[in-house]
Amino acid sequence: MKKVLRVYGGVLRLVRLLPADTRPYYAKYARENFVNYREVDQSETSLDELFQRAYNHSLWVLKKYSIDESAAEKLKEICFE
């Protein structure tokens, strides 16, 4: 559970780098996804897969707004430790 919170915090830190008018949308999207992680069937999907998905989606959003991917290095460390 602690790692989930660290990943969520990392995603929210990246949201702060986005343009101001997009932050509420992506913060809400992240919150909803992490709430849904509690309801995932552990036998079908591992947390590692979910962390990989969170990281990949974060990179996609950063690229969409022309923010350097290096901003996600800390999130990468958390997700793949």
N, C-alpha and C. Protein backbone atom coordinates (compact mmCIF):
# COMPACT_ATOMS: atom_id res chain seq x y z
N MET A 1 0.82 -1.20 0.00
CA MET A 1 0.00 0.00 0.00
C MET A 1 0.86 1.26 0.00
N LYS A 2 1.99 1.19 0.69
CA LYS A 2 2.86 2.35 0.77
C LYS A 2 3.41 2.71 -0.62
N LYS A 3 3.75 1.70 -1.41
CA LYS A 3 4.27 1.96 -2.76
C LYS A 3 3.19 2.58 -3.64
N VAL A 4 1.96 2.14 -3.48
CA VAL A 4 0.85 2.71 -4.25
C VAL A 4 0.75 4.21 -3.96
N LEU A 5 0.84 4.58 -2.70
CA LEU A 5 0.75 5.99 -2.33
C LEU A 5 1.93 6.80 -2.88
N ARG A 6 3.10 6.18 -2.91
CA ARG A 6 4.28 6.86 -3.46
C ARG A 6 4.13 7.08 -4.96
N VAL A 7 3.59 6.08 -5.66
CA VAL A 7 3.37 6.23 -7.10
C VAL A 7 2.32 7.31 -7.35
N TYR A 8 1.25 7.29 -6.58
CA TYR A 8 0.20 8.31 -6.72
C TYR A 8 0.78 9.71 -6.48
N GLY A 9 1.59 9.86 -5.46
CA GLY A 9 2.23 11.14 -5.19
C GLY A 9 3.13 11.58 -6.33
N GLY A 10 3.85 10.61 -6.92
CA GLY A 10 4.70 10.92 -8.06
C GLY A 10 3.91 11.39 -9.27
N VAL A 11 2.78 10.76 -9.50
CA VAL A 11 1.91 11.17 -10.61
C VAL A 11 1.39 12.58 -10.35
N LEU A 12 0.98 12.87 -9.13
CA LEU A 12 0.47 14.21 -8.81
C LEU A 12 1.56 15.27 -8.95
N ARG A 13 2.80 14.92 -8.62
CA ARG A 13 3.90 15.88 -8.82
C ARG A 13 4.06 16.20 -10.31
N LEU A 14 3.88 15.19 -11.16
CA LEU A 14 3.98 15.43 -12.60
C LEU A 14 2.81 16.28 -13.10
N VAL A 15 1.65 16.10 -12.49
CA VAL A 15 0.48 16.89 -12.89
C VAL A 15 0.76 18.38 -12.68
N ARG A 16 1.54 18.71 -11.66
CA ARG A 16 1.86 20.11 -11.40
C ARG A 16 2.69 20.75 -12.52
N LEU A 17 3.33 19.92 -13.34
CA LEU A 17 4.13 20.44 -14.44
C LEU A 17 3.29 20.77 -15.68
N LEU A 18 2.07 20.31 -15.69
CA LEU A 18 1.19 20.51 -16.84
C LEU A 18 0.64 21.93 -16.86
N PRO A 19 0.13 22.37 -18.02
CA PRO A 19 -0.49 23.70 -18.08
C PRO A 19 -1.62 23.82 -17.05
N ALA A 20 -1.76 24.99 -16.48
CA ALA A 20 -2.70 25.21 -15.37
C ALA A 20 -4.12 24.78 -15.70
N ASP A 21 -4.57 24.99 -16.91
CA ASP A 21 -5.95 24.66 -17.25
C ASP A 21 -6.20 23.16 -17.39
N THR A 22 -5.14 22.36 -17.47
CA THR A 22 -5.30 20.91 -17.60
C THR A 22 -5.12 20.17 -16.28
N ARG A 23 -4.54 20.81 -15.29
CA ARG A 23 -4.23 20.14 -14.03
C ARG A 23 -5.43 19.53 -13.33
N PRO A 24 -6.55 20.24 -13.20
CA PRO A 24 -7.69 19.63 -12.50
C PRO A 24 -8.18 18.35 -13.17
N TYR A 25 -8.20 18.33 -14.49
CA TYR A 25 -8.65 17.14 -15.21
C TYR A 25 -7.74 15.94 -14.92
N TYR A 26 -6.42 16.14 -15.07
CA TYR A 26 -5.50 15.02 -14.88
C TYR A 26 -5.38 14.61 -13.42
N ALA A 27 -5.50 15.55 -12.49
CA ALA A 27 -5.49 15.19 -11.07
C ALA A 27 -6.70 14.32 -10.74
N LYS A 28 -7.86 14.70 -11.27
CA LYS A 28 -9.07 13.91 -11.03
C LYS A 28 -8.95 12.54 -11.69
N TYR A 29 -8.41 12.49 -12.90
CA TYR A 29 -8.22 11.23 -13.62
C TYR A 29 -7.30 10.30 -12.83
N ALA A 30 -6.20 10.84 -12.31
CA ALA A 30 -5.27 10.04 -11.53
C ALA A 30 -5.92 9.52 -10.26
N ARG A 31 -6.64 10.38 -9.57
CA ARG A 31 -7.32 9.98 -8.34
C ARG A 31 -8.30 8.84 -8.60
N GLU A 32 -9.09 8.97 -9.65
CA GLU A 32 -10.06 7.92 -9.98
C GLU A 32 -9.38 6.60 -10.32
N ASN A 33 -8.27 6.68 -11.05
CA ASN A 33 -7.56 5.44 -11.40
C ASN A 33 -6.98 4.77 -10.17
N PHE A 34 -6.39 5.54 -9.27
CA PHE A 34 -5.80 4.93 -8.09
C PHE A 34 -6.86 4.41 -7.13
N VAL A 35 -8.00 5.02 -7.09
CA VAL A 35 -9.10 4.48 -6.29
C VAL A 35 -9.55 3.15 -6.88
N ASN A 36 -9.59 3.08 -8.19
CA ASN A 36 -9.98 1.84 -8.85
C ASN A 36 -8.96 0.73 -8.64
N TYR A 37 -7.70 1.08 -8.39
CA TYR A 37 -6.67 0.06 -8.15
C TYR A 37 -7.03 -0.80 -6.94
N ARG A 38 -7.76 -0.22 -5.98
CA ARG A 38 -8.15 -0.99 -4.79
C ARG A 38 -9.10 -2.12 -5.15
N GLU A 39 -9.83 -1.94 -6.25
CA GLU A 39 -10.85 -2.90 -6.63
C GLU A 39 -10.35 -3.92 -7.66
N VAL A 40 -9.07 -3.87 -8.02
CA VAL A 40 -8.53 -4.77 -9.02
C VAL A 40 -8.38 -6.17 -8.44
N ASP A 41 -8.74 -7.15 -9.23
CA ASP A 41 -8.59 -8.54 -8.83
C ASP A 41 -7.11 -8.90 -8.91
N GLN A 42 -6.52 -9.18 -7.78
CA GLN A 42 -5.09 -9.46 -7.71
C GLN A 42 -4.68 -10.69 -8.53
N SER A 43 -5.60 -11.62 -8.73
CA SER A 43 -5.24 -12.83 -9.48
C SER A 43 -5.10 -12.55 -10.97
N GLU A 44 -5.79 -11.52 -11.49
CA GLU A 44 -5.74 -11.24 -12.92
C GLU A 44 -4.67 -10.21 -13.28
N THR A 45 -4.48 -9.22 -12.44
CA THR A 45 -3.55 -8.12 -12.75
C THR A 45 -2.66 -7.88 -11.54
N SER A 46 -1.36 -7.84 -11.80
CA SER A 46 -0.45 -7.56 -10.69
C SER A 46 -0.29 -6.06 -10.52
N LEU A 47 0.11 -5.67 -9.34
CA LEU A 47 0.37 -4.25 -9.08
C LEU A 47 1.49 -3.73 -9.97
N ASP A 48 2.46 -4.59 -10.27
CA ASP A 48 3.56 -4.16 -11.14
C ASP A 48 3.04 -3.74 -12.52
N GLU A 49 2.06 -4.47 -13.03
CA GLU A 49 1.46 -4.10 -14.32
C GLU A 49 0.75 -2.75 -14.22
N LEU A 50 0.08 -2.53 -13.11
CA LEU A 50 -0.62 -1.26 -12.91
C LEU A 50 0.37 -0.10 -12.78
N PHE A 51 1.49 -0.34 -12.10
CA PHE A 51 2.52 0.70 -11.99
C PHE A 51 3.12 1.00 -13.36
N GLN A 52 3.33 -0.04 -14.15
CA GLN A 52 3.84 0.14 -15.51
C GLN A 52 2.87 0.98 -16.34
N ARG A 53 1.59 0.68 -16.20
CA ARG A 53 0.56 1.43 -16.92
C ARG A 53 0.54 2.90 -16.48
N ALA A 54 0.65 3.14 -15.18
CA ALA A 54 0.66 4.51 -14.66
C ALA A 54 1.87 5.28 -15.20
N TYR A 55 3.01 4.63 -15.22
CA TYR A 55 4.23 5.27 -15.72
C TYR A 55 4.10 5.58 -17.21
N ASN A 56 3.65 4.59 -18.00
CA ASN A 56 3.50 4.79 -19.44
C ASN A 56 2.50 5.91 -19.76
N HIS A 57 1.41 5.93 -19.03
CA HIS A 57 0.41 6.97 -19.27
C HIS A 57 0.98 8.34 -18.89
N SER A 58 1.73 8.39 -17.82
CA SER A 58 2.35 9.66 -17.42
C SER A 58 3.30 10.16 -18.51
N LEU A 59 4.08 9.26 -19.10
CA LEU A 59 4.97 9.66 -20.19
C LEU A 59 4.18 10.18 -21.38
N TRP A 60 3.07 9.53 -21.68
CA TRP A 60 2.24 9.95 -22.80
C TRP A 60 1.71 11.37 -22.58
N VAL A 61 1.24 11.64 -21.37
CA VAL A 61 0.70 12.97 -21.07
C VAL A 61 1.81 14.01 -21.12
N LEU A 62 2.98 13.69 -20.59
CA LEU A 62 4.09 14.65 -20.64
C LEU A 62 4.46 14.97 -22.08
N LYS A 63 4.51 13.93 -22.90
CA LYS A 63 4.85 14.13 -24.32
C LYS A 63 3.78 14.98 -25.01
N LYS A 64 2.53 14.74 -24.66
CA LYS A 64 1.42 15.49 -25.26
C LYS A 64 1.57 16.99 -25.03
N TYR A 65 2.07 17.37 -23.87
CA TYR A 65 2.24 18.78 -23.53
C TYR A 65 3.69 19.24 -23.66
N SER A 66 4.49 18.49 -24.39
CA SER A 66 5.88 18.83 -24.71
C SER A 66 6.73 19.08 -23.47
N ILE A 67 6.54 18.23 -22.47
CA ILE A 67 7.36 18.30 -21.26
C ILE A 67 8.36 17.15 -21.33
N ASP A 68 9.61 17.45 -21.03
CA ASP A 68 10.67 16.46 -21.14
C ASP A 68 10.39 15.24 -20.27
N GLU A 69 10.62 14.07 -20.84
CA GLU A 69 10.36 12.82 -20.13
C GLU A 69 11.24 12.66 -18.89
N SER A 70 12.33 13.38 -18.83
CA SER A 70 13.22 13.26 -17.67
C SER A 70 12.52 13.69 -16.39
N ALA A 71 11.44 14.44 -16.51
CA ALA A 71 10.67 14.85 -15.34
C ALA A 71 10.07 13.65 -14.62
N ALA A 72 9.93 12.53 -15.34
CA ALA A 72 9.32 11.33 -14.77
C ALA A 72 10.35 10.34 -14.21
N GLU A 73 11.60 10.75 -14.09
CA GLU A 73 12.63 9.84 -13.59
C GLU A 73 12.33 9.34 -12.17
N LYS A 74 11.89 10.22 -11.31
CA LYS A 74 11.58 9.80 -9.93
C LYS A 74 10.42 8.81 -9.91
N LEU A 75 9.41 9.06 -10.73
CA LEU A 75 8.29 8.12 -10.83
C LEU A 75 8.77 6.78 -11.35
N LYS A 76 9.68 6.80 -12.29
CA LYS A 76 10.23 5.55 -12.84
C LYS A 76 10.94 4.76 -11.75
N GLU A 77 11.71 5.45 -10.92
CA GLU A 77 12.43 4.79 -9.82
C GLU A 77 11.43 4.13 -8.85
N ILE A 78 10.37 4.84 -8.54
CA ILE A 78 9.38 4.31 -7.60
C ILE A 78 8.66 3.11 -8.20
N CYS A 79 8.25 3.23 -9.45
CA CYS A 79 7.46 2.18 -10.10
C CYS A 79 8.25 0.88 -10.28
N PHE A 80 9.52 1.00 -10.56
CA PHE A 80 10.31 -0.19 -10.92
C PHE A 80 11.33 -0.59 -9.88
N GLU A 81 11.15 -0.17 -8.64
CA GLU A 81 12.11 -0.58 -7.59
C GLU A 81 11.83 -1.98 -7.12
